[in-house]
Each structure stands twice: as C-alpha cells, then as structure tokens.
C-alpha cells in the first residue's frame, strides 16, 4: 500500500514536471516569436525617414540651433520695452567731524530707449534674419539626412536581392556538381571536371557569405542614419519596379526649381539680408543716443525715517570721436556683404552643375536597366544552351562555368542598375531641393 502511494505521488510529480516544462517552453517560444516579429518589422522608406526626423542626432542638433535663433528674436524684441529695476542699499559712513552714521536707500528706476539711430530696430531685424538662416540650415541638414537614409535604404534592398542572386548561383553550382559526378560515374567526363565543379560550388558559397555580410553592413548603416540601434533588423518594403522615367523631366524647369527651393540658396539670401541689417546697425553709431530715465527713492540715516525723492529726465549721448572705429565697422560690414553676394553666385553655379549632373546620371541608369535586362535574358539562354550541349558531350565543363558566371554577373548588374537608378533619383531630388517636403518631414 505504501509502495503504491509512493508510486502514485511520483507519477503526479512527473506529470506536473512535464506540464510545467511544456508551459515554460510555450512561453519562451511565444516570447521568442514575439521578439523575432518585432525585430523583423515590415517598414517602408516613409517610416525610415520619419524615424530619422525624430532620432537623427545631427538633425536634432540643427533643430535646437534653429530654436535657439528663434529665442534670440524675443531677446532682441525686449530692447524696445522699458527696463525697470528695484534697488536697496545700506552703508556705514564716516565723515571727519561728523563721526560714523548709517544710511539707507531703496527705490525703483526705469530706462526707456527713445532714439538710438535705428540700432534696436536693426538688431531686431538681424535676429530675424539669423533665425531664417538657421531655419534654412536645418532644412539643409534635413535633406542631407533624407538623402543618406534613402541611399542606405536602397543599398540594403540591393544587397537583399543580391543574396537571392547568389543563392541561385549556389543552387546551380550544386546542380553542376551532381551532374558532373553522375557523368563521371558513367565515364562521360574526367576527374578534373568534378574538381572544377567543386571549386565552383565552394566559390559560390564564399560569394554568398560576402553578400550576406554586405547586407548586414547596409542594414547597420541604415539604422545609424535613422538614429536607432545598429543591430536592429527590419523587413524592408521593396521598390523594385517603382522607377522614375527621366524622359518626363525638364532641365530648365528643374534648374529654376532648384534656385527657388534649395535651402542653401535660401540660407545665403537670409545671410545677405542679415548683413544688410548689420550695415545699418553699424551706421547707427553715427547717431546720438536718447533715453528716458526715472528714479523713485527712499533714503535717510534712519531706517524708519527715510525721505522720498524722485527724478525723471532724458539723456542725450553723442559720440564726437571714436578713433574712426565706427567708419571701420561700417566698411567691414560692407565687405562681408560683398563676400556673401559672390558666395551666392558661386552657389548658384554649383546648384546648376549638381542638377545637370544628377539628371544625366538618372538618364544613364534608366538606360542601363533596359540594357542589363536584355543581358540577363541572353545569359539565361546561353546557360540553357551550354548545359544542354554539356549533357550531350558537345561542350566542356569550362563552358558551363563561364556561362553560369556570366549569368550571375548579368543578374548582379541588373540589380545594381535598378537600385543605382533609385539612388540617382534620390540625388536628383536632393539637387532640385524637393526632398524636404517628402512625406511631411518639414517641421512647421
């Protein structure tokens, strides 16, 4: 009876252990599946760009720089308003013959600028132009980040497709090895062909390893440009057949759009306007400075018997001679303005060159896609014919290896041409300056 009870308890323990193990295993499996699902999230280029807008450190630094310039406008605007101060003091004094005594004073004072030769107004205008320059500098960084993210996105997709190409190449190499072994067994080929087939298979394995590594590197670069952990993995939405036809683009229109849209051009225009305000700001030192002032004060030798006093008035300050410093300041400000105007001319020429080059590259890559598509078709037909001849003993194995290598090369070139065209489209949008409005990325 005791043995039966012990056996019954032992069976219950075993069953409980099995159920517990299954529950834990199920929980781990669910957790692993959930984790794997999260790390292989399906995302598109839109998602990547919006993530970069929120997380890219370089872009965030430019955003805070812009916000700081905006705060400077409020700081400059404050100069229009009166300044009011409260004061209080206690002194222990000594005069010969009078001895020591205490003195107390407290009160309020104010100062209101009336005329400063336009200095306050020009300082305010300069702050506004500085903000506009910082804003356009932010947009410049923004479209640079967009270009970086887009390029990394398409490069990652390119490597993903090249993995498929190299997997097909390895599959063919394995088929060639089995075919050669079968022919060797029946005496239709020699040992050298078998060795060549093994070398072909080994080389295909090496190429696949390299491409997989390039894919992980490309994914890490994409993550870095988005501002997320480089080890994260995403399942990218493909843009394989979504190609821009450059024949629909107009060069003259693109050049005009670039001059109007490029934030670099807007930034230097803002800097020129700011410098024009700086010239007027420097010239304001030629004018007298007029301020209204006032004081209201309690003072006396006893803290409880202080007497009231007040005064109001106007101050006039005229600079009669400053060692020609004001003249030099105005001259320097004008030279800076001339420098900025010539920089704008150089930037205009640079933008024209970038737009023209980007459009040429876009047309070339579009034509390359069609050419490499025909190359793939020819290489596939060539391999099919060579394999048929090899089976009939009318071709040697070197011909098979060459045909397979040509097909892999053609497929690789076609994939590269497609994603080169996507990258060239990104470069074209960057040159024209239209990417800053993409996917609602501009902060309002």
Protein backbone atom coordinates (compact mmCIF):
# COMPACT_ATOMS: atom_id res chain seq x y z
CA UNK A 1 0.00 0.00 0.00
CA UNK A 2 2.88 2.37 0.91
CA UNK A 3 4.68 1.48 -2.32
CA UNK A 4 1.53 2.18 -4.34
CA UNK A 5 1.12 5.57 -2.66
CA UNK A 6 4.76 6.44 -3.34
CA UNK A 7 4.36 5.38 -6.97
CA UNK A 8 1.18 7.48 -7.27
CA UNK A 9 2.91 10.56 -5.79
CA UNK A 10 5.90 10.01 -8.07
CA UNK A 11 3.64 9.81 -11.13
CA UNK A 12 1.92 13.07 -10.10
CA UNK A 13 5.31 14.78 -9.71
CA UNK A 14 6.44 13.60 -13.15
CA UNK A 15 3.18 14.74 -14.77
CA UNK A 16 3.41 18.13 -13.02
CA UNK A 17 7.02 18.49 -14.19
CA UNK A 18 6.06 17.70 -17.78
CA UNK A 19 3.16 20.19 -17.75
CA UNK A 20 5.39 22.87 -16.20
CA UNK A 21 8.12 22.26 -18.77
CA UNK A 22 5.63 22.49 -21.61
CA UNK A 23 4.20 25.73 -20.21
CA UNK A 24 7.66 27.28 -19.85
CA UNK A 25 8.66 26.10 -23.31
CA UNK A 26 5.47 27.55 -24.75
CA UNK A 27 6.07 30.86 -23.02
CA UNK A 28 9.64 31.01 -24.26
CA UNK A 29 8.55 30.09 -27.75
CA UNK A 30 5.89 32.80 -27.68
CA UNK A 31 8.37 35.35 -26.34
CA UNK A 32 10.94 34.37 -28.97
CA UNK A 33 8.32 34.57 -31.72
CA UNK A 34 7.19 37.97 -30.48
CA UNK A 35 10.76 39.20 -30.30
CA UNK A 36 11.55 37.89 -33.75
CA UNK A 37 8.40 39.52 -35.05
CA UNK A 38 9.40 42.86 -33.59
CA UNK A 39 12.95 42.69 -34.92
CA UNK A 40 11.69 41.86 -38.41
CA UNK A 41 9.08 44.60 -38.58
CA UNK A 42 7.88 45.45 -42.08
CA UNK A 43 8.78 49.06 -42.83
CA UNK A 44 8.92 51.32 -45.87
CA UNK A 45 11.03 54.35 -46.81
CA UNK A 46 8.43 56.67 -45.30
CA UNK A 47 8.85 55.02 -41.91
CA UNK A 48 12.65 55.28 -42.12
CA UNK A 49 12.54 58.98 -42.99
CA UNK A 50 10.12 59.85 -40.19
CA UNK A 51 12.20 57.84 -37.71
CA UNK A 52 15.30 59.74 -38.80
CA UNK A 53 13.48 63.07 -38.40
CA UNK A 54 12.79 62.25 -34.76
CA UNK A 55 16.02 60.44 -33.83
CA UNK A 56 18.93 61.52 -36.03
CA UNK A 57 21.38 63.36 -33.69
CA UNK A 58 22.74 65.66 -36.41
CA UNK A 59 19.23 66.73 -37.34
CA UNK A 60 18.23 67.25 -33.72
CA UNK A 61 21.31 69.44 -33.18
CA UNK A 62 20.30 71.60 -36.16
CA UNK A 63 16.73 71.79 -34.82
CA UNK A 64 17.89 73.07 -31.42
CA UNK A 65 20.18 75.57 -33.16
CA UNK A 66 17.15 76.86 -35.07
CA UNK A 67 15.07 77.10 -31.88
CA UNK A 68 17.89 78.98 -30.17
CA UNK A 69 17.91 81.51 -33.02
CA UNK A 70 14.15 81.90 -32.59
CA UNK A 71 14.62 82.69 -28.91
CA UNK A 72 17.14 85.35 -29.92
CA UNK A 73 14.33 87.21 -31.74
CA UNK A 74 12.41 87.54 -28.48
CA UNK A 75 15.61 88.67 -26.79
CA UNK A 76 16.12 91.42 -29.41
CA UNK A 77 12.44 92.45 -29.20
CA UNK A 78 12.85 93.06 -25.48
CA UNK A 79 15.10 96.07 -26.24
CA UNK A 80 12.03 98.02 -27.40
CA UNK A 81 10.48 97.84 -23.92
CA UNK A 82 11.49 99.79 -20.82
CA UNK A 83 13.76 98.22 -18.27
CA UNK A 84 12.68 98.55 -14.61
CA UNK A 85 14.93 97.80 -11.65
CA UNK A 86 14.42 97.76 -7.90
CA UNK A 87 17.34 98.59 -5.61
CA UNK A 88 18.12 98.74 -1.92
CA UNK A 89 21.33 99.51 -0.06
CA UNK A 90 22.77 100.02 3.40
CA UNK A 91 26.03 101.88 4.10
CA UNK A 92 28.07 102.59 7.21
CA UNK A 93 29.67 106.03 6.66
CA UNK A 94 32.29 108.13 8.37
CA UNK A 95 33.00 111.83 7.89
CA UNK A 96 35.62 113.69 9.87
CA UNK A 97 33.87 115.92 12.36
CA UNK A 98 30.54 114.15 11.92
CA UNK A 99 31.61 110.73 13.06
CA UNK A 100 30.04 107.49 12.00
CA UNK A 101 26.48 107.17 10.83
CA UNK A 102 24.19 104.79 8.88
CA UNK A 103 22.49 105.47 5.56
CA UNK A 104 19.69 103.58 3.92
CA UNK A 105 18.23 103.83 0.44
CA UNK A 106 15.76 101.88 -1.69
CA UNK A 107 13.61 102.55 -4.69
CA UNK A 108 12.89 101.92 -8.35
CA UNK A 109 14.45 103.08 -11.59
CA UNK A 110 13.47 102.74 -15.20
CA UNK A 111 15.01 103.41 -18.60
CA UNK A 112 13.11 103.70 -21.88
CA UNK A 113 15.05 103.92 -25.16
CA UNK A 114 13.70 106.75 -27.32
CA UNK A 115 16.18 107.02 -30.19
CA UNK A 116 19.36 105.07 -30.85
CA UNK A 117 19.87 105.73 -34.52
CA UNK A 118 17.84 102.67 -35.51
CA UNK A 119 20.16 100.31 -33.61
CA UNK A 120 17.39 98.48 -31.75
CA UNK A 121 15.29 98.01 -34.87
CA UNK A 122 18.24 96.80 -36.95
CA UNK A 123 19.33 94.48 -34.18
CA UNK A 124 15.82 93.03 -34.17
CA UNK A 125 15.88 92.63 -37.97
CA UNK A 126 19.28 90.96 -37.77
CA UNK A 127 17.95 88.44 -35.25
CA UNK A 128 15.05 87.63 -37.57
CA UNK A 129 17.42 87.06 -40.50
CA UNK A 130 19.64 84.93 -38.30
CA UNK A 131 16.65 82.77 -37.44
CA UNK A 132 15.76 82.41 -41.12
CA UNK A 133 19.37 81.41 -41.89
CA UNK A 134 19.31 78.85 -39.06
CA UNK A 135 15.96 77.56 -40.33
CA UNK A 136 17.32 77.02 -43.81
CA UNK A 137 20.45 75.43 -42.33
CA UNK A 138 18.12 72.98 -40.60
CA UNK A 139 16.43 72.20 -43.92
CA UNK A 140 19.85 71.65 -45.49
CA UNK A 141 20.69 69.07 -42.84
CA UNK A 142 17.22 67.59 -43.23
CA UNK A 143 17.56 66.88 -46.94
CA UNK A 144 21.10 65.58 -46.37
CA UNK A 145 19.65 63.13 -43.84
CA UNK A 146 16.86 62.23 -46.27
CA UNK A 147 19.46 61.52 -48.93
CA UNK A 148 21.56 59.46 -46.52
CA UNK A 149 18.58 57.41 -45.31
CA UNK A 150 17.24 56.87 -48.84
CA UNK A 151 20.64 55.81 -50.18
CA UNK A 152 21.10 53.37 -47.29
CA UNK A 153 17.57 52.06 -47.78
CA UNK A 154 18.09 51.28 -51.47
CA UNK A 155 21.58 49.88 -50.84
CA UNK A 156 20.10 47.48 -48.29
CA UNK A 157 17.43 46.35 -50.74
CA UNK A 158 20.12 45.90 -53.39
CA UNK A 159 22.13 43.59 -51.11
CA UNK A 160 18.94 41.70 -50.23
CA UNK A 161 18.33 40.95 -53.92
CA UNK A 162 21.99 40.07 -54.45
CA UNK A 163 21.61 37.43 -51.74
CA UNK A 164 18.89 35.84 -53.88
CA UNK A 165 21.12 36.03 -56.96
CA UNK A 166 23.98 34.33 -55.14
CA UNK A 167 21.66 31.71 -53.65
CA UNK A 168 20.56 30.88 -57.19
CA UNK A 169 24.20 30.74 -58.20
CA UNK A 170 24.97 28.32 -55.36
CA UNK A 171 21.95 26.21 -56.30
CA UNK A 172 23.22 25.99 -59.90
CA UNK A 173 26.73 25.16 -58.69
CA UNK A 174 25.35 22.27 -56.63
CA UNK A 175 23.39 21.05 -59.66
CA UNK A 176 26.52 21.22 -61.83
CA UNK A 177 28.48 19.25 -59.24
CA UNK A 178 25.85 16.49 -59.07
CA UNK A 179 25.60 16.43 -62.87
CA UNK A 180 29.37 16.16 -63.24
CA UNK A 181 29.58 13.38 -60.64
CA UNK A 182 26.89 11.43 -62.47
CA UNK A 183 28.70 11.83 -65.79
CA UNK A 184 32.00 10.83 -64.17
CA UNK A 185 30.47 7.61 -62.82
CA UNK A 186 29.45 6.50 -66.31
CA UNK A 187 32.76 7.59 -67.82
CA UNK A 188 31.44 10.60 -69.77
CA UNK A 189 33.81 13.08 -68.14
CA UNK A 190 37.06 13.13 -66.21
CA UNK A 191 38.06 13.78 -62.61
CA UNK A 192 39.22 17.31 -63.48
CA UNK A 193 35.66 18.37 -64.27
CA UNK A 194 34.47 17.09 -60.91
CA UNK A 195 37.18 19.11 -59.17
CA UNK A 196 36.22 22.20 -61.17
CA UNK A 197 32.58 21.72 -60.16
CA UNK A 198 33.62 21.52 -56.51
CA UNK A 199 35.65 24.72 -56.86
CA UNK A 200 32.64 26.41 -58.49
CA UNK A 201 30.42 25.36 -55.56
CA UNK A 202 32.96 26.50 -52.96
CA UNK A 203 33.36 29.85 -54.68
CA UNK A 204 29.58 30.27 -54.78
CA UNK A 205 29.42 29.62 -51.03
CA UNK A 206 32.13 32.23 -50.39
CA UNK A 207 30.33 34.79 -52.57
CA UNK A 208 27.07 34.18 -50.70
CA UNK A 209 28.78 34.72 -47.33
CA UNK A 210 30.23 38.01 -48.56
CA UNK A 211 26.89 39.26 -49.85
CA UNK A 212 25.11 38.36 -46.61
CA UNK A 213 27.74 40.28 -44.69
CA UNK A 214 27.26 43.28 -47.00
CA UNK A 215 23.52 43.10 -46.35
CA UNK A 216 24.04 43.26 -42.58
CA UNK A 217 26.50 46.14 -43.01
CA UNK A 218 24.00 48.02 -45.19
CA UNK A 219 21.23 47.45 -42.62
CA UNK A 220 23.50 48.77 -39.87
CA UNK A 221 24.24 51.92 -41.91
CA UNK A 222 20.51 52.43 -42.45
CA UNK A 223 19.86 52.08 -38.72
CA UNK A 224 22.63 54.55 -37.95
CA UNK A 225 21.19 57.11 -40.36
CA UNK A 226 17.76 56.64 -38.73
CA UNK A 227 19.24 57.13 -35.27
CA UNK A 228 18.29 53.68 -33.94
CA UNK A 229 20.38 50.76 -32.66
CA UNK A 230 22.61 49.43 -35.45
CA UNK A 231 21.81 45.80 -34.59
CA UNK A 232 18.09 46.13 -35.27
CA UNK A 233 16.64 44.17 -38.18
CA UNK A 234 13.81 45.29 -40.39
CA UNK A 235 11.93 43.74 -43.28
CA UNK A 236 12.08 46.48 -45.91
CA UNK A 237 9.23 47.10 -48.33
CA UNK A 238 10.62 46.73 -51.85
CA UNK A 239 10.61 49.39 -54.57
CA UNK A 240 11.92 47.10 -57.30
CA UNK A 241 9.65 48.22 -60.14
CA UNK A 242 8.85 51.75 -58.95
CA UNK A 243 11.12 53.58 -61.38
CA UNK A 244 11.16 57.24 -62.38
CA UNK A 245 11.27 57.87 -66.14
CA UNK A 246 13.76 60.76 -66.63
CA UNK A 247 12.23 61.47 -70.04
CA UNK A 248 9.39 63.23 -68.22
CA UNK A 249 11.77 65.70 -66.52
CA UNK A 250 12.62 69.16 -67.85
CA UNK A 251 16.09 70.54 -67.21
CA UNK A 252 15.18 74.25 -67.38
CA UNK A 253 12.27 73.75 -65.00
CA UNK A 254 14.48 71.74 -62.66
CA UNK A 255 17.14 74.49 -62.61
CA UNK A 256 14.53 77.13 -61.76
CA UNK A 257 13.01 74.92 -59.08
CA UNK A 258 16.41 74.32 -57.52
CA UNK A 259 17.17 78.06 -57.33
CA UNK A 260 13.82 78.61 -55.60
CA UNK A 261 13.77 75.53 -53.38
CA UNK A 262 17.31 74.72 -52.29
CA UNK A 263 17.64 75.65 -48.61
CA UNK A 264 21.31 76.56 -49.14
CA UNK A 265 20.18 79.33 -51.51
CA UNK A 266 17.51 80.49 -49.05
CA UNK A 267 20.07 80.39 -46.27
CA UNK A 268 22.59 82.61 -48.05
CA UNK A 269 19.79 85.01 -49.08
CA UNK A 270 18.86 85.29 -45.40
CA UNK A 271 22.51 85.87 -44.51
CA UNK A 272 22.72 88.68 -47.11
CA UNK A 273 19.62 90.36 -45.67
CA UNK A 274 21.06 89.94 -42.19
CA UNK A 275 24.30 91.58 -43.31
CA UNK A 276 22.38 94.47 -44.86
CA UNK A 277 20.80 94.97 -41.45
CA UNK A 278 24.27 94.71 -39.87
CA UNK A 279 25.47 97.61 -42.05
CA UNK A 280 22.62 99.78 -40.83
CA UNK A 281 23.33 98.63 -37.29
CA UNK A 282 26.94 99.77 -37.60
CA UNK A 283 25.83 103.10 -39.10
CA UNK A 284 23.57 103.74 -36.11
CA UNK A 285 26.65 104.61 -34.04
CA UNK A 286 26.91 107.86 -36.03
CA UNK A 287 23.62 109.00 -34.48
CA UNK A 288 23.02 110.32 -30.95
CA UNK A 289 21.54 108.00 -28.33
CA UNK A 290 18.46 109.29 -26.48
CA UNK A 291 16.99 107.54 -23.44
CA UNK A 292 14.27 108.47 -20.99
CA UNK A 293 15.03 107.69 -17.37
CA UNK A 294 13.39 107.94 -13.99
CA UNK A 295 14.01 107.15 -10.31
CA UNK A 296 11.84 106.96 -7.21
CA UNK A 297 13.80 106.56 -3.99
CA UNK A 298 13.56 106.44 -0.17
CA UNK A 299 16.74 107.37 1.70
CA UNK A 300 17.93 108.59 5.10
CA UNK A 301 20.17 107.95 8.08
CA UNK A 302 17.48 106.14 10.00
CA UNK A 303 15.71 103.09 8.62
CA UNK A 304 12.32 104.23 9.98
CA UNK A 305 12.66 107.87 8.89
CA UNK A 306 13.66 107.69 5.21
CA UNK A 307 12.56 110.50 2.95
CA UNK A 308 11.16 110.18 -0.53
CA UNK A 309 12.69 111.62 -3.68
CA UNK A 310 12.17 111.19 -7.38
CA UNK A 311 13.53 112.44 -10.65
CA UNK A 312 12.75 111.98 -14.33
CA UNK A 313 14.65 113.14 -17.36
CA UNK A 314 16.14 112.48 -20.75
CA UNK A 315 19.74 111.55 -21.53
CA UNK A 316 21.43 112.56 -24.78
CA UNK A 317 24.67 110.84 -25.67
CA UNK A 318 26.60 111.97 -28.78
CA UNK A 319 29.80 110.26 -29.85
CA UNK A 320 32.10 113.02 -31.09
CA UNK A 321 35.16 110.92 -31.87
CA UNK A 322 35.81 107.19 -31.60
CA UNK A 323 39.11 106.89 -33.43
CA UNK A 324 37.31 106.20 -36.73
CA UNK A 325 36.10 102.92 -35.24
CA UNK A 326 32.55 103.40 -36.49
CA UNK A 327 33.77 104.11 -40.03
CA UNK A 328 35.84 100.94 -39.94
CA UNK A 329 32.89 98.90 -38.64
CA UNK A 330 30.65 100.09 -41.47
CA UNK A 331 33.36 99.39 -44.05
CA UNK A 332 33.94 95.90 -42.67
CA UNK A 333 30.20 95.12 -42.75
CA UNK A 334 30.02 96.19 -46.40
CA UNK A 335 32.96 93.95 -47.32
CA UNK A 336 31.24 91.00 -45.67
CA UNK A 337 28.13 91.75 -47.74
CA UNK A 338 30.18 91.69 -50.95
CA UNK A 339 31.70 88.38 -49.90
CA UNK A 340 28.25 86.86 -49.33
CA UNK A 341 26.99 88.10 -52.70
CA UNK A 342 29.89 86.41 -54.51
CA UNK A 343 29.31 83.25 -52.49
CA UNK A 344 25.72 83.31 -53.72
CA UNK A 345 26.91 83.49 -57.33
CA UNK A 346 29.22 80.53 -56.76
CA UNK A 347 26.43 78.56 -55.06
CA UNK A 348 24.11 79.27 -57.98
CA UNK A 349 26.65 77.83 -60.43
CA UNK A 350 27.22 74.82 -58.15
CA UNK A 351 23.48 74.12 -57.97
CA UNK A 352 23.22 74.25 -61.78
CA UNK A 353 26.06 71.73 -62.06
CA UNK A 354 24.52 69.39 -59.47
CA UNK A 355 21.09 69.42 -61.14
CA UNK A 356 22.52 68.85 -64.61
CA UNK A 357 24.82 66.03 -63.44
CA UNK A 358 22.03 64.38 -61.43
CA UNK A 359 19.71 64.40 -64.45
CA UNK A 360 22.42 62.92 -66.69
CA UNK A 361 23.08 60.14 -64.16
CA UNK A 362 19.36 59.46 -63.91
CA UNK A 363 19.05 59.07 -67.68
CA UNK A 364 22.12 56.84 -67.84
CA UNK A 365 20.94 54.48 -65.09
CA UNK A 366 17.47 54.25 -66.65
CA UNK A 367 19.00 53.17 -69.96
CA UNK A 368 21.31 50.77 -68.11
CA UNK A 369 18.32 48.99 -66.58
CA UNK A 370 16.95 48.05 -70.00
CA UNK A 371 20.40 47.05 -71.27
CA UNK A 372 21.10 44.78 -68.32
CA UNK A 373 17.61 43.26 -68.59
CA UNK A 374 18.48 42.15 -72.13
CA UNK A 375 21.85 40.96 -70.87
CA UNK A 376 20.15 38.70 -68.30
CA UNK A 377 17.84 37.20 -70.91
CA UNK A 378 20.78 36.47 -73.21
CA UNK A 379 22.85 34.99 -70.36
CA UNK A 380 19.96 32.73 -69.28
CA UNK A 381 19.51 31.46 -72.82
CA UNK A 382 23.26 30.95 -73.19
CA UNK A 383 23.45 28.87 -69.99
CA UNK A 384 20.45 26.78 -71.05
CA UNK A 385 22.10 26.00 -74.41
CA UNK A 386 25.54 25.27 -72.90
CA UNK A 387 24.06 22.94 -70.25
CA UNK A 388 22.20 21.07 -73.00
CA UNK A 389 25.38 20.71 -75.06
CA UNK A 390 27.33 19.56 -71.99
CA UNK A 391 24.80 16.83 -71.28
CA UNK A 392 25.22 15.66 -74.88
CA UNK A 393 29.00 15.76 -74.59
CA UNK A 394 29.30 18.59 -77.11
CA UNK A 395 30.70 21.17 -74.66
CA UNK A 396 33.25 21.02 -71.86
CA UNK A 397 32.67 21.97 -68.27
CA UNK A 398 34.67 25.20 -68.57
CA UNK A 399 31.95 26.45 -70.93
CA UNK A 400 29.31 25.66 -68.28
CA UNK A 401 31.25 27.54 -65.59
CA UNK A 402 31.74 30.54 -67.88
CA UNK A 403 28.04 30.60 -68.81
CA UNK A 404 26.97 30.38 -65.15
CA UNK A 405 29.44 33.10 -64.19
CA UNK A 406 28.12 35.32 -67.00
CA UNK A 407 24.54 34.82 -65.84
CA UNK A 408 25.37 35.65 -62.22
CA UNK A 409 27.28 38.74 -63.37
CA UNK A 410 24.36 39.83 -65.60
CA UNK A 411 21.82 39.40 -62.79
CA UNK A 412 24.09 41.31 -60.41
CA UNK A 413 24.47 44.15 -62.90
CA UNK A 414 20.71 44.31 -63.42
CA UNK A 415 20.02 44.52 -59.67
CA UNK A 416 22.72 47.14 -59.27
CA UNK A 417 21.33 49.17 -62.19
CA UNK A 418 17.85 49.20 -60.67
CA UNK A 419 18.95 50.43 -57.25
CA UNK A 420 21.53 52.77 -58.74
CA UNK A 421 18.58 54.37 -60.51
CA UNK A 422 16.71 54.68 -57.20
CA UNK A 423 19.77 56.30 -55.62
CA UNK A 424 20.19 58.60 -58.62
CA UNK A 425 16.57 59.63 -58.20
CA UNK A 426 17.32 60.49 -54.58
CA UNK A 427 20.36 62.51 -55.69
CA UNK A 428 18.24 64.31 -58.29
CA UNK A 429 15.61 65.25 -55.71
CA UNK A 430 18.39 66.43 -53.42
CA UNK A 431 19.87 68.57 -56.21
CA UNK A 432 16.49 70.12 -57.04
CA UNK A 433 15.68 70.65 -53.37
CA UNK A 434 12.31 68.92 -53.43
CA UNK A 435 13.09 66.24 -50.82
CA UNK A 436 12.49 68.46 -47.80
CA UNK A 437 8.74 68.27 -48.43
CA UNK A 438 8.81 64.48 -48.82
CA UNK A 439 6.47 62.55 -46.50
CA UNK A 440 5.63 65.67 -44.50
CA UNK A 441 9.06 65.76 -42.90
CA UNK A 442 9.30 69.53 -42.58
CA UNK A 443 8.65 70.78 -39.04
CA UNK A 444 6.10 73.55 -39.07
